[in-house]
Amino acid sequence: MIKNAIHLKNKVSIMIPSTKNAIEKIDNEKYVNESIILFSELFGGVTVLNCQGGYISSKYGLIKENVKNVFSYCEELTPENIASILEFIERLKVELKQECIALEINNNMYLV
């Protein structure tokens, strides 16, 4: 479609929380850096956006937090790449005591 361009048809992103245990604010830079390294190794590069997310907690009511949207584009998304991301997400969930972490693949959101 566009001459002399590489078409990166897949987009993968994760939201890095800035809270632990829903209401304890944390410095998430360590986790952002880890995700930048992971996505760069898997896909060659990464973009990070500052976002605000929120949800209603049955225990605490409205939870609003600043999250980092870490994403990459790639030509091919392999099962091995997805497994590496899921392994990272599972570790984040435990360390940050999160019910779930948002993973988006090609405009489809998964609450992992």
N, C-alpha and C. Protein backbone atom coordinates (compact mmCIF):
# COMPACT_ATOMS: atom_id res chain seq x y z
N MET A 1 0.81 -1.19 0.00
CA MET A 1 0.00 0.00 0.00
C MET A 1 0.87 1.27 0.00
N ILE A 2 1.84 1.34 0.90
CA ILE A 2 2.76 2.47 0.93
C ILE A 2 4.13 1.95 0.50
N LYS A 3 4.66 2.51 -0.56
CA LYS A 3 5.95 2.06 -1.09
C LYS A 3 7.06 2.26 -0.08
N ASN A 4 7.99 1.32 -0.09
CA ASN A 4 9.20 1.39 0.74
C ASN A 4 8.91 1.53 2.23
N ALA A 5 7.82 0.92 2.68
CA ALA A 5 7.47 0.97 4.10
C ALA A 5 7.21 -0.44 4.63
N ILE A 6 7.50 -0.63 5.86
CA ILE A 6 7.20 -1.91 6.52
C ILE A 6 5.85 -1.75 7.21
N HIS A 7 4.95 -2.69 6.95
CA HIS A 7 3.62 -2.64 7.54
C HIS A 7 3.62 -3.43 8.85
N LEU A 8 3.49 -2.74 9.96
CA LEU A 8 3.42 -3.38 11.27
C LEU A 8 1.94 -3.46 11.65
N LYS A 9 1.32 -4.58 11.34
CA LYS A 9 -0.13 -4.70 11.44
C LYS A 9 -0.66 -5.07 12.82
N ASN A 10 0.22 -5.44 13.73
CA ASN A 10 -0.21 -5.84 15.08
C ASN A 10 0.22 -4.80 16.11
N LYS A 11 -0.66 -4.55 17.07
CA LYS A 11 -0.35 -3.65 18.18
C LYS A 11 -0.62 -4.38 19.49
N VAL A 12 0.35 -4.31 20.39
CA VAL A 12 0.24 -4.94 21.70
C VAL A 12 0.53 -3.88 22.75
N SER A 13 -0.33 -3.79 23.76
CA SER A 13 -0.08 -2.82 24.83
C SER A 13 -0.49 -3.38 26.18
N ILE A 14 0.18 -2.88 27.20
CA ILE A 14 -0.21 -3.20 28.58
C ILE A 14 -0.28 -1.89 29.36
N MET A 15 -1.13 -1.90 30.36
CA MET A 15 -1.27 -0.75 31.25
C MET A 15 -0.51 -1.06 32.54
N ILE A 16 0.44 -0.21 32.87
CA ILE A 16 1.23 -0.40 34.08
C ILE A 16 0.59 0.45 35.19
N PRO A 17 0.07 -0.20 36.24
CA PRO A 17 -0.61 0.52 37.32
C PRO A 17 0.36 1.41 38.11
N SER A 18 -0.22 2.38 38.82
CA SER A 18 0.58 3.23 39.71
C SER A 18 0.12 3.06 41.16
N THR A 19 -0.60 1.95 41.39
CA THR A 19 -1.02 1.64 42.75
C THR A 19 -0.72 0.18 43.08
N LYS A 20 -0.63 -0.07 44.35
CA LYS A 20 -0.49 -1.42 44.88
C LYS A 20 -1.67 -1.62 45.82
N ASN A 21 -2.28 -2.80 45.77
CA ASN A 21 -3.41 -3.06 46.67
C ASN A 21 -4.55 -2.06 46.45
N ALA A 22 -4.72 -1.61 45.24
CA ALA A 22 -5.80 -0.71 44.81
C ALA A 22 -5.63 0.74 45.24
N ILE A 23 -5.18 1.02 46.46
CA ILE A 23 -5.17 2.41 46.92
C ILE A 23 -3.80 2.94 47.37
N GLU A 24 -2.79 2.09 47.41
CA GLU A 24 -1.46 2.54 47.83
C GLU A 24 -0.69 3.04 46.61
N LYS A 25 -0.43 4.34 46.55
CA LYS A 25 0.30 4.90 45.42
C LYS A 25 1.75 4.42 45.44
N ILE A 26 2.26 4.10 44.25
CA ILE A 26 3.65 3.64 44.12
C ILE A 26 4.33 4.39 42.98
N ASP A 27 5.64 4.32 42.97
CA ASP A 27 6.42 4.79 41.83
C ASP A 27 6.54 3.59 40.89
N ASN A 28 5.88 3.65 39.73
CA ASN A 28 5.85 2.50 38.82
C ASN A 28 6.98 2.49 37.80
N GLU A 29 7.95 3.38 37.96
CA GLU A 29 9.03 3.51 36.96
C GLU A 29 9.79 2.20 36.76
N LYS A 30 10.02 1.45 37.83
CA LYS A 30 10.71 0.15 37.72
C LYS A 30 9.97 -0.77 36.76
N TYR A 31 8.65 -0.83 36.91
CA TYR A 31 7.84 -1.73 36.08
C TYR A 31 7.71 -1.20 34.65
N VAL A 32 7.67 0.11 34.51
CA VAL A 32 7.65 0.71 33.17
C VAL A 32 8.95 0.37 32.45
N ASN A 33 10.08 0.53 33.13
CA ASN A 33 11.37 0.20 32.52
C ASN A 33 11.47 -1.27 32.15
N GLU A 34 10.97 -2.15 33.01
CA GLU A 34 10.99 -3.58 32.70
C GLU A 34 10.14 -3.87 31.47
N SER A 35 9.00 -3.21 31.36
CA SER A 35 8.14 -3.45 30.18
C SER A 35 8.77 -2.87 28.92
N ILE A 36 9.47 -1.74 29.04
CA ILE A 36 10.16 -1.17 27.88
C ILE A 36 11.22 -2.15 27.38
N ILE A 37 11.98 -2.73 28.30
CA ILE A 37 12.99 -3.71 27.91
C ILE A 37 12.34 -4.92 27.26
N LEU A 38 11.30 -5.46 27.88
CA LEU A 38 10.63 -6.64 27.34
C LEU A 38 10.08 -6.38 25.94
N PHE A 39 9.32 -5.30 25.79
CA PHE A 39 8.71 -5.01 24.49
C PHE A 39 9.77 -4.70 23.43
N SER A 40 10.86 -4.04 23.83
CA SER A 40 11.93 -3.74 22.87
C SER A 40 12.62 -5.01 22.41
N GLU A 41 12.84 -5.94 23.35
CA GLU A 41 13.45 -7.22 22.98
C GLU A 41 12.52 -8.02 22.06
N LEU A 42 11.22 -8.01 22.36
CA LEU A 42 10.27 -8.80 21.56
C LEU A 42 9.95 -8.16 20.21
N PHE A 43 9.84 -6.82 20.19
CA PHE A 43 9.29 -6.16 18.99
C PHE A 43 10.19 -5.09 18.38
N GLY A 44 11.32 -4.80 19.00
CA GLY A 44 12.26 -3.86 18.41
C GLY A 44 12.13 -2.42 18.89
N GLY A 45 11.05 -2.08 19.55
CA GLY A 45 10.86 -0.73 20.04
C GLY A 45 9.56 -0.61 20.80
N VAL A 46 9.34 0.56 21.39
CA VAL A 46 8.20 0.73 22.28
C VAL A 46 7.83 2.21 22.36
N THR A 47 6.59 2.47 22.68
CA THR A 47 6.11 3.82 22.99
C THR A 47 5.42 3.76 24.35
N VAL A 48 5.56 4.82 25.14
CA VAL A 48 4.93 4.88 26.46
C VAL A 48 4.12 6.16 26.54
N LEU A 49 2.84 6.02 26.90
CA LEU A 49 1.95 7.17 27.06
C LEU A 49 1.47 7.27 28.51
N ASN A 50 1.35 8.49 28.99
CA ASN A 50 0.74 8.73 30.29
C ASN A 50 -0.77 8.75 30.11
N CYS A 51 -1.48 7.98 30.93
CA CYS A 51 -2.94 7.90 30.84
C CYS A 51 -3.52 7.93 32.25
N GLN A 52 -4.82 8.14 32.31
CA GLN A 52 -5.52 8.00 33.58
C GLN A 52 -6.54 6.89 33.41
N GLY A 53 -6.58 5.99 34.39
CA GLY A 53 -7.53 4.89 34.35
C GLY A 53 -8.37 4.90 35.60
N GLY A 54 -9.45 4.16 35.57
CA GLY A 54 -10.29 4.10 36.74
C GLY A 54 -11.25 2.94 36.69
N TYR A 55 -11.79 2.62 37.86
CA TYR A 55 -12.79 1.57 37.99
C TYR A 55 -13.46 1.72 39.35
N ILE A 56 -14.54 1.00 39.55
CA ILE A 56 -15.23 1.01 40.83
C ILE A 56 -14.85 -0.25 41.61
N SER A 57 -14.25 -0.05 42.76
CA SER A 57 -13.87 -1.15 43.63
C SER A 57 -15.01 -1.42 44.61
N SER A 58 -15.33 -2.69 44.80
CA SER A 58 -16.38 -3.02 45.76
C SER A 58 -15.96 -2.66 47.19
N LYS A 59 -14.67 -2.58 47.43
CA LYS A 59 -14.15 -2.28 48.76
C LYS A 59 -13.89 -0.78 48.98
N TYR A 60 -13.40 -0.08 47.93
CA TYR A 60 -12.96 1.30 48.09
C TYR A 60 -13.75 2.33 47.28
N GLY A 61 -14.69 1.88 46.46
CA GLY A 61 -15.42 2.82 45.61
C GLY A 61 -14.60 3.21 44.39
N LEU A 62 -14.71 4.47 43.97
CA LEU A 62 -14.02 4.93 42.77
C LEU A 62 -12.52 4.94 42.97
N ILE A 63 -11.82 4.25 42.08
CA ILE A 63 -10.36 4.23 42.06
C ILE A 63 -9.93 4.90 40.76
N LYS A 64 -9.17 5.98 40.88
CA LYS A 64 -8.57 6.64 39.72
C LYS A 64 -7.06 6.61 39.92
N GLU A 65 -6.34 6.33 38.83
CA GLU A 65 -4.89 6.30 38.95
C GLU A 65 -4.24 6.67 37.63
N ASN A 66 -3.02 7.15 37.75
CA ASN A 66 -2.22 7.43 36.56
C ASN A 66 -1.54 6.13 36.16
N VAL A 67 -1.77 5.72 34.93
CA VAL A 67 -1.17 4.50 34.42
C VAL A 67 -0.28 4.84 33.23
N LYS A 68 0.60 3.94 32.92
CA LYS A 68 1.44 4.06 31.72
C LYS A 68 0.96 3.03 30.72
N ASN A 69 0.66 3.50 29.52
CA ASN A 69 0.29 2.61 28.42
C ASN A 69 1.57 2.34 27.64
N VAL A 70 2.06 1.11 27.75
CA VAL A 70 3.28 0.70 27.07
C VAL A 70 2.88 -0.14 25.86
N PHE A 71 3.27 0.29 24.65
CA PHE A 71 2.83 -0.46 23.48
C PHE A 71 3.89 -0.53 22.39
N SER A 72 3.72 -1.56 21.57
CA SER A 72 4.58 -1.78 20.41
C SER A 72 3.73 -2.25 19.25
N TYR A 73 4.26 -2.00 18.07
CA TYR A 73 3.69 -2.55 16.84
C TYR A 73 4.65 -3.60 16.32
N CYS A 74 4.10 -4.62 15.64
CA CYS A 74 4.96 -5.66 15.09
C CYS A 74 4.32 -6.27 13.85
N GLU A 75 5.17 -6.87 13.01
CA GLU A 75 4.67 -7.56 11.82
C GLU A 75 3.95 -8.84 12.20
N GLU A 76 4.58 -9.62 13.09
CA GLU A 76 4.02 -10.91 13.47
C GLU A 76 3.98 -11.01 14.99
N LEU A 77 2.89 -11.51 15.49
CA LEU A 77 2.73 -11.72 16.93
C LEU A 77 2.69 -13.23 17.16
N THR A 78 3.71 -13.74 17.81
CA THR A 78 3.83 -15.19 17.98
C THR A 78 3.28 -15.64 19.34
N PRO A 79 2.90 -16.91 19.45
CA PRO A 79 2.49 -17.44 20.75
C PRO A 79 3.58 -17.28 21.81
N GLU A 80 4.84 -17.36 21.41
CA GLU A 80 5.94 -17.20 22.35
C GLU A 80 6.00 -15.76 22.88
N ASN A 81 5.76 -14.79 22.00
CA ASN A 81 5.74 -13.39 22.43
C ASN A 81 4.61 -13.15 23.43
N ILE A 82 3.44 -13.67 23.12
CA ILE A 82 2.30 -13.51 24.01
C ILE A 82 2.57 -14.18 25.36
N ALA A 83 3.19 -15.36 25.33
CA ALA A 83 3.53 -16.06 26.58
C ALA A 83 4.49 -15.24 27.43
N SER A 84 5.47 -14.60 26.81
CA SER A 84 6.41 -13.77 27.55
C SER A 84 5.71 -12.59 28.21
N ILE A 85 4.78 -11.98 27.50
CA ILE A 85 4.03 -10.84 28.04
C ILE A 85 3.13 -11.31 29.18
N LEU A 86 2.46 -12.43 29.00
CA LEU A 86 1.58 -12.96 30.05
C LEU A 86 2.37 -13.31 31.31
N GLU A 87 3.56 -13.84 31.15
CA GLU A 87 4.42 -14.16 32.30
C GLU A 87 4.77 -12.88 33.06
N PHE A 88 5.10 -11.82 32.32
CA PHE A 88 5.41 -10.52 32.94
C PHE A 88 4.18 -9.98 33.68
N ILE A 89 3.02 -10.06 33.05
CA ILE A 89 1.77 -9.57 33.65
C ILE A 89 1.46 -10.34 34.94
N GLU A 90 1.62 -11.65 34.92
CA GLU A 90 1.33 -12.45 36.12
C GLU A 90 2.24 -12.04 37.28
N ARG A 91 3.50 -11.76 36.99
CA ARG A 91 4.43 -11.31 38.03
C ARG A 91 4.00 -9.94 38.56
N LEU A 92 3.61 -9.03 37.65
CA LEU A 92 3.14 -7.72 38.07
C LEU A 92 1.93 -7.82 38.99
N LYS A 93 1.00 -8.67 38.61
CA LYS A 93 -0.21 -8.84 39.43
C LYS A 93 0.14 -9.24 40.86
N VAL A 94 1.06 -10.15 41.01
CA VAL A 94 1.45 -10.61 42.34
C VAL A 94 2.18 -9.50 43.10
N GLU A 95 3.18 -8.89 42.48
CA GLU A 95 3.98 -7.88 43.15
C GLU A 95 3.16 -6.65 43.53
N LEU A 96 2.21 -6.27 42.68
CA LEU A 96 1.41 -5.07 42.93
C LEU A 96 0.05 -5.38 43.55
N LYS A 97 -0.19 -6.64 43.82
CA LYS A 97 -1.46 -7.07 44.43
C LYS A 97 -2.66 -6.53 43.65
N GLN A 98 -2.63 -6.78 42.34
CA GLN A 98 -3.69 -6.34 41.44
C GLN A 98 -4.62 -7.51 41.12
N GLU A 99 -5.91 -7.20 40.99
CA GLU A 99 -6.87 -8.23 40.55
C GLU A 99 -6.60 -8.62 39.11
N CYS A 100 -6.25 -7.62 38.29
CA CYS A 100 -5.96 -7.88 36.89
C CYS A 100 -5.10 -6.75 36.33
N ILE A 101 -4.50 -7.03 35.20
CA ILE A 101 -3.73 -6.04 34.43
C ILE A 101 -4.31 -6.05 33.02
N ALA A 102 -4.48 -4.87 32.45
CA ALA A 102 -5.05 -4.75 31.10
C ALA A 102 -3.99 -5.04 30.04
N LEU A 103 -4.35 -5.93 29.13
CA LEU A 103 -3.54 -6.28 27.96
C LEU A 103 -4.40 -6.03 26.74
N GLU A 104 -3.89 -5.26 25.81
CA GLU A 104 -4.65 -4.99 24.58
C GLU A 104 -3.87 -5.54 23.39
N ILE A 105 -4.56 -6.33 22.57
CA ILE A 105 -3.96 -6.87 21.36
C ILE A 105 -4.90 -6.54 20.21
N ASN A 106 -4.41 -5.75 19.28
CA ASN A 106 -5.18 -5.38 18.08
C ASN A 106 -6.59 -4.89 18.41
N ASN A 107 -6.69 -3.94 19.32
CA ASN A 107 -7.96 -3.32 19.73
C ASN A 107 -8.88 -4.24 20.50
N ASN A 108 -8.37 -5.34 21.02
CA ASN A 108 -9.14 -6.24 21.87
C ASN A 108 -8.52 -6.20 23.26
N MET A 109 -9.33 -5.86 24.26
CA MET A 109 -8.83 -5.73 25.63
C MET A 109 -9.05 -7.03 26.39
N TYR A 110 -8.00 -7.45 27.08
CA TYR A 110 -8.04 -8.62 27.93
C TYR A 110 -7.68 -8.18 29.35
N LEU A 111 -8.50 -8.53 30.32
CA LEU A 111 -8.18 -8.26 31.71
C LEU A 111 -7.57 -9.54 32.28
N VAL A 112 -6.26 -9.54 32.38
CA VAL A 112 -5.51 -10.75 32.73
C VAL A 112 -5.33 -10.80 34.23
